[in-house]
């Protein structure tokens, strides 16, 4: 299904954000991105590069695969 992996990454980011008790704006600051960009990633609207996935995972202190696996 096209775009499925984008949605999985978005759901995982949202799950991590909520687990850590951050607003979207605060979480965007943690990741070093703009809030509207984070929102579009969480909705699965962004086609992220592997480099971006690695960067997000590094900022969160998780393995990149953790953002890619559908839980």
N, C-alpha and C. Protein backbone atom coordinates (compact mmCIF):
# COMPACT_ATOMS: atom_id res chain seq x y z
N UNK A 1 0.85 -1.17 0.00
CA UNK A 1 0.00 0.00 0.00
C UNK A 1 0.90 1.24 0.00
N UNK A 2 0.73 2.07 -0.98
CA UNK A 2 1.57 3.24 -1.14
C UNK A 2 1.38 4.23 0.00
N UNK A 3 2.50 4.70 0.54
CA UNK A 3 2.46 5.67 1.63
C UNK A 3 2.30 5.06 3.01
N UNK A 4 2.18 3.74 3.08
CA UNK A 4 1.96 3.08 4.37
C UNK A 4 3.12 3.34 5.33
N UNK A 5 4.34 3.26 4.85
CA UNK A 5 5.50 3.45 5.72
C UNK A 5 5.54 4.88 6.27
N UNK A 6 5.12 5.86 5.47
CA UNK A 6 5.05 7.24 5.95
C UNK A 6 4.08 7.34 7.12
N UNK A 7 2.95 6.67 7.01
CA UNK A 7 1.95 6.70 8.09
C UNK A 7 2.46 5.98 9.33
N UNK A 8 3.21 4.89 9.15
CA UNK A 8 3.78 4.15 10.28
C UNK A 8 4.76 5.05 11.04
N UNK A 9 5.64 5.71 10.32
CA UNK A 9 6.60 6.62 10.98
C UNK A 9 5.84 7.71 11.73
N UNK A 10 4.83 8.27 11.10
CA UNK A 10 4.05 9.31 11.75
C UNK A 10 3.37 8.83 13.02
N UNK A 11 2.77 7.64 12.96
CA UNK A 11 2.11 7.09 14.16
C UNK A 11 3.12 6.84 15.27
N UNK A 12 4.29 6.33 14.90
CA UNK A 12 5.32 6.06 15.91
C UNK A 12 5.83 7.35 16.55
N UNK A 13 6.03 8.39 15.75
CA UNK A 13 6.45 9.67 16.31
C UNK A 13 5.38 10.22 17.25
N UNK A 14 4.13 10.13 16.84
CA UNK A 14 3.04 10.62 17.69
C UNK A 14 2.97 9.82 19.00
N UNK A 15 3.10 8.51 18.89
CA UNK A 15 3.08 7.65 20.09
C UNK A 15 4.19 8.05 21.06
N UNK A 16 5.41 8.23 20.53
CA UNK A 16 6.54 8.61 21.38
C UNK A 16 6.29 9.98 22.00
N UNK A 17 5.78 10.92 21.20
CA UNK A 17 5.49 12.26 21.71
C UNK A 17 4.51 12.21 22.87
N UNK A 18 3.43 11.45 22.69
CA UNK A 18 2.42 11.36 23.74
C UNK A 18 2.95 10.64 24.97
N UNK A 19 3.75 9.59 24.77
CA UNK A 19 4.34 8.88 25.90
C UNK A 19 5.23 9.79 26.73
N UNK A 20 5.89 10.71 26.07
CA UNK A 20 6.80 11.62 26.76
C UNK A 20 6.09 12.88 27.27
N UNK A 21 4.81 12.98 26.97
CA UNK A 21 4.01 14.09 27.50
C UNK A 21 4.28 15.44 26.86
N UNK A 22 4.70 15.44 25.59
CA UNK A 22 5.00 16.68 24.89
C UNK A 22 3.83 17.13 24.03
N UNK A 23 3.68 18.44 23.93
CA UNK A 23 2.79 18.98 22.90
C UNK A 23 3.51 18.85 21.57
N UNK A 24 2.79 19.05 20.50
CA UNK A 24 3.43 18.99 19.18
C UNK A 24 4.51 20.06 19.06
N UNK A 25 4.24 21.24 19.59
CA UNK A 25 5.20 22.33 19.51
C UNK A 25 6.46 22.03 20.32
N UNK A 26 6.30 21.52 21.53
CA UNK A 26 7.45 21.18 22.37
C UNK A 26 8.27 20.05 21.75
N UNK A 27 7.57 19.06 21.19
CA UNK A 27 8.26 17.92 20.58
C UNK A 27 9.01 18.37 19.33
N UNK A 28 8.42 19.28 18.57
CA UNK A 28 9.11 19.83 17.39
C UNK A 28 10.40 20.51 17.81
N UNK A 29 10.37 21.23 18.92
CA UNK A 29 11.58 21.88 19.44
C UNK A 29 12.64 20.84 19.79
N UNK A 30 12.23 19.74 20.42
CA UNK A 30 13.16 18.66 20.77
C UNK A 30 13.82 18.11 19.50
N UNK A 31 13.03 17.96 18.45
CA UNK A 31 13.53 17.39 17.20
C UNK A 31 14.26 18.40 16.32
N UNK A 32 14.11 19.67 16.63
CA UNK A 32 14.74 20.71 15.83
C UNK A 32 14.03 20.97 14.51
N UNK A 33 12.70 20.81 14.51
CA UNK A 33 11.90 21.05 13.31
C UNK A 33 10.75 21.99 13.67
N UNK A 34 10.07 22.50 12.66
CA UNK A 34 8.92 23.38 12.88
C UNK A 34 7.69 22.54 13.22
N UNK A 35 6.80 23.10 14.01
CA UNK A 35 5.60 22.40 14.46
C UNK A 35 4.73 21.95 13.28
N UNK A 36 4.59 22.77 12.26
CA UNK A 36 3.75 22.38 11.12
C UNK A 36 4.38 21.22 10.35
N UNK A 37 5.71 21.19 10.30
CA UNK A 37 6.40 20.08 9.65
C UNK A 37 6.15 18.79 10.43
N UNK A 38 6.29 18.85 11.76
CA UNK A 38 6.04 17.68 12.59
C UNK A 38 4.61 17.19 12.41
N UNK A 39 3.66 18.11 12.36
CA UNK A 39 2.27 17.72 12.17
C UNK A 39 2.07 16.97 10.86
N UNK A 40 2.71 17.44 9.80
CA UNK A 40 2.55 16.77 8.51
C UNK A 40 3.25 15.41 8.50
N UNK A 41 4.33 15.27 9.27
CA UNK A 41 4.99 13.96 9.39
C UNK A 41 4.08 13.01 10.17
N UNK A 42 3.52 13.48 11.27
CA UNK A 42 2.63 12.63 12.08
C UNK A 42 1.40 12.18 11.28
N UNK A 43 0.95 13.00 10.36
CA UNK A 43 -0.21 12.62 9.54
C UNK A 43 0.18 11.76 8.35
N UNK A 44 1.47 11.50 8.17
CA UNK A 44 1.93 10.66 7.07
C UNK A 44 1.94 11.36 5.74
N UNK A 45 2.02 12.67 5.76
CA UNK A 45 1.98 13.46 4.53
C UNK A 45 3.37 13.73 3.94
N UNK A 46 4.40 13.47 4.70
CA UNK A 46 5.77 13.75 4.25
C UNK A 46 6.47 12.48 3.81
N UNK A 47 7.15 12.57 2.68
CA UNK A 47 7.95 11.46 2.18
C UNK A 47 9.37 11.65 2.70
N UNK A 48 9.66 11.08 3.86
CA UNK A 48 10.94 11.29 4.52
C UNK A 48 12.06 10.49 3.86
N UNK A 49 13.25 11.06 3.87
CA UNK A 49 14.42 10.31 3.43
C UNK A 49 14.89 9.43 4.58
N UNK A 50 15.68 8.43 4.26
CA UNK A 50 16.27 7.59 5.32
C UNK A 50 17.15 8.43 6.23
N UNK A 51 17.82 9.40 5.68
CA UNK A 51 18.66 10.29 6.49
C UNK A 51 17.82 11.04 7.52
N UNK A 52 16.65 11.49 7.11
CA UNK A 52 15.76 12.19 8.03
C UNK A 52 15.27 11.25 9.12
N UNK A 53 14.92 10.02 8.76
CA UNK A 53 14.48 9.03 9.76
C UNK A 53 15.62 8.80 10.76
N UNK A 54 16.84 8.68 10.26
CA UNK A 54 17.99 8.49 11.15
C UNK A 54 18.16 9.69 12.08
N UNK A 55 18.00 10.89 11.55
CA UNK A 55 18.14 12.10 12.36
C UNK A 55 17.07 12.14 13.46
N UNK A 56 15.83 11.87 13.08
CA UNK A 56 14.75 11.87 14.07
C UNK A 56 15.00 10.84 15.16
N UNK A 57 15.41 9.64 14.76
CA UNK A 57 15.70 8.58 15.73
C UNK A 57 16.83 8.99 16.66
N UNK A 58 17.86 9.60 16.11
CA UNK A 58 19.00 10.05 16.91
C UNK A 58 18.56 11.10 17.94
N UNK A 59 17.74 12.05 17.50
CA UNK A 59 17.24 13.08 18.41
C UNK A 59 16.38 12.49 19.53
N UNK A 60 15.72 11.37 19.23
CA UNK A 60 14.84 10.72 20.22
C UNK A 60 15.57 9.69 21.07
N UNK A 61 16.78 9.31 20.65
CA UNK A 61 17.51 8.28 21.38
C UNK A 61 16.94 6.89 21.16
N UNK A 62 16.41 6.65 19.96
CA UNK A 62 15.88 5.33 19.61
C UNK A 62 16.58 4.85 18.34
N UNK A 63 16.45 3.56 18.07
CA UNK A 63 16.99 3.01 16.83
C UNK A 63 16.06 3.39 15.68
N UNK A 64 16.60 3.69 14.50
CA UNK A 64 15.76 4.05 13.36
C UNK A 64 14.68 3.01 13.06
N UNK A 65 15.00 1.74 13.22
CA UNK A 65 14.02 0.69 12.95
C UNK A 65 12.79 0.83 13.83
N UNK A 66 12.98 1.41 15.01
CA UNK A 66 11.86 1.63 15.91
C UNK A 66 10.81 2.59 15.36
N UNK A 67 11.24 3.46 14.45
CA UNK A 67 10.29 4.38 13.81
C UNK A 67 9.62 3.75 12.59
N UNK A 68 10.23 2.70 12.07
CA UNK A 68 9.74 2.09 10.83
C UNK A 68 8.84 0.88 11.04
N UNK A 69 8.84 0.31 12.24
CA UNK A 69 8.08 -0.91 12.52
C UNK A 69 6.68 -0.54 12.99
N UNK A 70 5.69 -1.17 12.38
CA UNK A 70 4.30 -0.93 12.76
C UNK A 70 3.97 -1.70 14.02
N UNK A 71 3.64 -0.96 15.07
CA UNK A 71 3.35 -1.61 16.36
C UNK A 71 1.88 -1.74 16.60
